[in-house]
Amino acid sequence: MAISVPAHITGTVWKVEVKEGDEVAEGQVLVIIESMKMEMPVEAPEAGKVTKIHCSETQAVNEGDTLVELG
């Protein structure tokens, strides 16, 4: 079952730390969002494999937008 990992804050994608196919651990940083001059890491809620990346660096995102899917 796919797990959607959403943005928890509105901002700009500063860095995507993973690529499709990567195995990730619970708590691993997937994406870093820049908001109000602060870097906010978005972490994996559980271990899994990155099946789809829905964002790219410099892209503006809103709170709740899906950034990454884990399978």
N, C-alpha and C. Protein backbone atom coordinates (compact mmCIF):
# COMPACT_ATOMS: atom_id res chain seq x y z
N MET A 1 0.84 -1.18 0.00
CA MET A 1 0.00 0.00 0.00
C MET A 1 0.88 1.25 0.00
N ALA A 2 0.56 2.18 -0.86
CA ALA A 2 1.36 3.40 -0.99
C ALA A 2 1.10 4.35 0.18
N ILE A 3 2.16 4.99 0.62
CA ILE A 3 2.08 5.99 1.70
C ILE A 3 2.45 7.32 1.09
N SER A 4 1.53 8.28 1.16
CA SER A 4 1.82 9.63 0.66
C SER A 4 2.47 10.44 1.77
N VAL A 5 3.56 11.12 1.44
CA VAL A 5 4.24 11.98 2.40
C VAL A 5 3.98 13.42 1.98
N PRO A 6 3.17 14.16 2.79
CA PRO A 6 2.80 15.53 2.40
C PRO A 6 3.74 16.58 2.96
N ALA A 7 3.66 17.76 2.36
CA ALA A 7 4.36 18.93 2.91
C ALA A 7 3.63 19.34 4.18
N HIS A 8 4.35 19.64 5.24
CA HIS A 8 3.72 20.05 6.50
C HIS A 8 3.72 21.57 6.65
N ILE A 9 4.20 22.26 5.62
CA ILE A 9 4.26 23.72 5.65
C ILE A 9 4.30 24.22 4.20
N THR A 10 3.81 25.42 3.97
CA THR A 10 3.89 26.03 2.65
C THR A 10 5.28 26.63 2.47
N GLY A 11 5.89 26.41 1.31
CA GLY A 11 7.23 26.94 1.07
C GLY A 11 7.73 26.53 -0.29
N THR A 12 9.05 26.47 -0.43
CA THR A 12 9.71 26.09 -1.67
C THR A 12 10.58 24.87 -1.42
N VAL A 13 10.52 23.90 -2.34
CA VAL A 13 11.39 22.72 -2.20
C VAL A 13 12.82 23.19 -2.40
N TRP A 14 13.62 23.04 -1.35
CA TRP A 14 15.01 23.47 -1.40
C TRP A 14 15.90 22.33 -1.91
N LYS A 15 15.62 21.11 -1.42
CA LYS A 15 16.44 19.97 -1.84
C LYS A 15 15.63 18.69 -1.73
N VAL A 16 15.76 17.83 -2.75
CA VAL A 16 15.18 16.49 -2.72
C VAL A 16 16.32 15.55 -2.39
N GLU A 17 16.23 14.88 -1.24
CA GLU A 17 17.34 14.06 -0.72
C GLU A 17 17.33 12.61 -1.21
N VAL A 18 16.25 12.19 -1.89
CA VAL A 18 16.13 10.79 -2.33
C VAL A 18 15.77 10.76 -3.81
N LYS A 19 15.86 9.56 -4.40
CA LYS A 19 15.39 9.38 -5.77
C LYS A 19 14.51 8.14 -5.83
N GLU A 20 13.74 8.04 -6.89
CA GLU A 20 12.85 6.89 -7.03
C GLU A 20 13.65 5.60 -6.99
N GLY A 21 13.14 4.63 -6.24
CA GLY A 21 13.80 3.34 -6.10
C GLY A 21 14.63 3.22 -4.83
N ASP A 22 14.90 4.34 -4.17
CA ASP A 22 15.69 4.31 -2.92
C ASP A 22 14.90 3.63 -1.80
N GLU A 23 15.60 2.85 -1.00
CA GLU A 23 15.03 2.31 0.24
C GLU A 23 15.32 3.33 1.34
N VAL A 24 14.31 3.68 2.12
CA VAL A 24 14.49 4.68 3.17
C VAL A 24 14.08 4.11 4.52
N ALA A 25 14.68 4.65 5.57
CA ALA A 25 14.38 4.24 6.94
C ALA A 25 13.37 5.21 7.55
N GLU A 26 12.65 4.75 8.54
CA GLU A 26 11.74 5.64 9.26
C GLU A 26 12.53 6.82 9.82
N GLY A 27 12.04 8.02 9.60
CA GLY A 27 12.70 9.22 10.11
C GLY A 27 13.76 9.80 9.18
N GLN A 28 14.05 9.12 8.08
CA GLN A 28 15.04 9.63 7.13
C GLN A 28 14.48 10.86 6.42
N VAL A 29 15.34 11.85 6.21
CA VAL A 29 14.92 13.08 5.51
C VAL A 29 14.73 12.77 4.03
N LEU A 30 13.55 13.11 3.51
CA LEU A 30 13.23 12.88 2.10
C LEU A 30 13.38 14.17 1.29
N VAL A 31 12.85 15.25 1.84
CA VAL A 31 12.81 16.55 1.15
C VAL A 31 13.07 17.63 2.18
N ILE A 32 13.72 18.72 1.76
CA ILE A 32 13.89 19.89 2.64
C ILE A 32 13.13 21.04 2.00
N ILE A 33 12.24 21.63 2.79
CA ILE A 33 11.45 22.77 2.32
C ILE A 33 11.99 24.02 2.97
N GLU A 34 12.14 25.09 2.18
CA GLU A 34 12.56 26.38 2.71
C GLU A 34 11.31 27.24 2.86
N SER A 35 11.13 27.75 4.06
CA SER A 35 9.99 28.62 4.34
C SER A 35 10.42 29.69 5.31
N MET A 36 10.20 30.94 4.97
CA MET A 36 10.56 32.07 5.83
C MET A 36 12.03 32.00 6.27
N LYS A 37 12.92 31.67 5.32
CA LYS A 37 14.38 31.60 5.54
C LYS A 37 14.79 30.47 6.48
N MET A 38 13.88 29.51 6.72
CA MET A 38 14.20 28.35 7.55
C MET A 38 14.10 27.08 6.71
N GLU A 39 14.99 26.13 6.97
CA GLU A 39 14.95 24.84 6.29
C GLU A 39 14.18 23.85 7.16
N MET A 40 13.13 23.26 6.59
CA MET A 40 12.28 22.34 7.34
C MET A 40 12.37 20.96 6.69
N PRO A 41 12.93 19.96 7.37
CA PRO A 41 13.02 18.63 6.78
C PRO A 41 11.67 17.91 6.80
N VAL A 42 11.40 17.17 5.74
CA VAL A 42 10.23 16.30 5.67
C VAL A 42 10.76 14.88 5.74
N GLU A 43 10.34 14.15 6.78
CA GLU A 43 10.91 12.82 7.06
C GLU A 43 9.94 11.71 6.69
N ALA A 44 10.50 10.53 6.44
CA ALA A 44 9.69 9.35 6.14
C ALA A 44 8.94 8.92 7.41
N PRO A 45 7.62 8.73 7.32
CA PRO A 45 6.86 8.31 8.50
C PRO A 45 7.13 6.86 8.88
N GLU A 46 7.62 6.07 7.93
CA GLU A 46 8.01 4.69 8.18
C GLU A 46 8.98 4.25 7.09
N ALA A 47 9.60 3.10 7.29
CA ALA A 47 10.54 2.58 6.30
C ALA A 47 9.79 2.14 5.05
N GLY A 48 10.44 2.23 3.91
CA GLY A 48 9.83 1.79 2.67
C GLY A 48 10.71 2.14 1.48
N LYS A 49 10.13 1.97 0.30
CA LYS A 49 10.84 2.25 -0.95
C LYS A 49 10.17 3.45 -1.61
N VAL A 50 10.98 4.39 -2.10
CA VAL A 50 10.45 5.56 -2.80
C VAL A 50 9.92 5.10 -4.15
N THR A 51 8.59 5.21 -4.34
CA THR A 51 7.98 4.77 -5.59
C THR A 51 7.72 5.93 -6.54
N LYS A 52 7.54 7.14 -6.01
CA LYS A 52 7.25 8.30 -6.87
C LYS A 52 7.63 9.57 -6.14
N ILE A 53 8.27 10.48 -6.87
CA ILE A 53 8.59 11.81 -6.34
C ILE A 53 7.71 12.81 -7.07
N HIS A 54 6.93 13.58 -6.33
CA HIS A 54 5.95 14.50 -6.91
C HIS A 54 6.42 15.95 -6.91
N CYS A 55 7.68 16.20 -6.56
CA CYS A 55 8.15 17.58 -6.48
C CYS A 55 9.56 17.68 -7.08
N SER A 56 9.98 18.90 -7.32
CA SER A 56 11.34 19.13 -7.81
C SER A 56 11.90 20.35 -7.10
N GLU A 57 13.21 20.47 -7.10
CA GLU A 57 13.86 21.59 -6.41
C GLU A 57 13.43 22.91 -7.02
N THR A 58 13.22 23.89 -6.20
CA THR A 58 12.75 25.25 -6.50
C THR A 58 11.24 25.34 -6.72
N GLN A 59 10.53 24.22 -6.65
CA GLN A 59 9.08 24.21 -6.82
C GLN A 59 8.39 24.73 -5.57
N ALA A 60 7.39 25.58 -5.76
CA ALA A 60 6.57 26.06 -4.64
C ALA A 60 5.57 24.97 -4.28
N VAL A 61 5.40 24.71 -2.98
CA VAL A 61 4.44 23.71 -2.51
C VAL A 61 3.58 24.30 -1.41
N ASN A 62 2.38 23.77 -1.29
CA ASN A 62 1.46 24.19 -0.23
C ASN A 62 1.37 23.10 0.83
N GLU A 63 1.01 23.48 2.02
CA GLU A 63 0.80 22.52 3.09
C GLU A 63 -0.22 21.47 2.61
N GLY A 64 0.13 20.21 2.78
CA GLY A 64 -0.76 19.12 2.38
C GLY A 64 -0.46 18.54 1.01
N ASP A 65 0.34 19.24 0.17
CA ASP A 65 0.70 18.69 -1.14
C ASP A 65 1.53 17.43 -0.96
N THR A 66 1.26 16.40 -1.75
CA THR A 66 2.07 15.18 -1.69
C THR A 66 3.43 15.45 -2.33
N LEU A 67 4.49 15.13 -1.58
CA LEU A 67 5.86 15.33 -2.07
C LEU A 67 6.46 14.03 -2.58
N VAL A 68 6.24 12.95 -1.82
CA VAL A 68 6.86 11.66 -2.11
C VAL A 68 5.85 10.56 -1.78
N GLU A 69 5.91 9.47 -2.54
CA GLU A 69 5.12 8.28 -2.20
C GLU A 69 6.09 7.15 -1.87
N LEU A 70 5.76 6.44 -0.80
CA LEU A 70 6.53 5.28 -0.40
C LEU A 70 5.67 4.04 -0.60
N GLY A 71 6.32 2.94 -0.99
CA GLY A 71 5.59 1.69 -1.19
C GLY A 71 6.14 0.60 -0.34
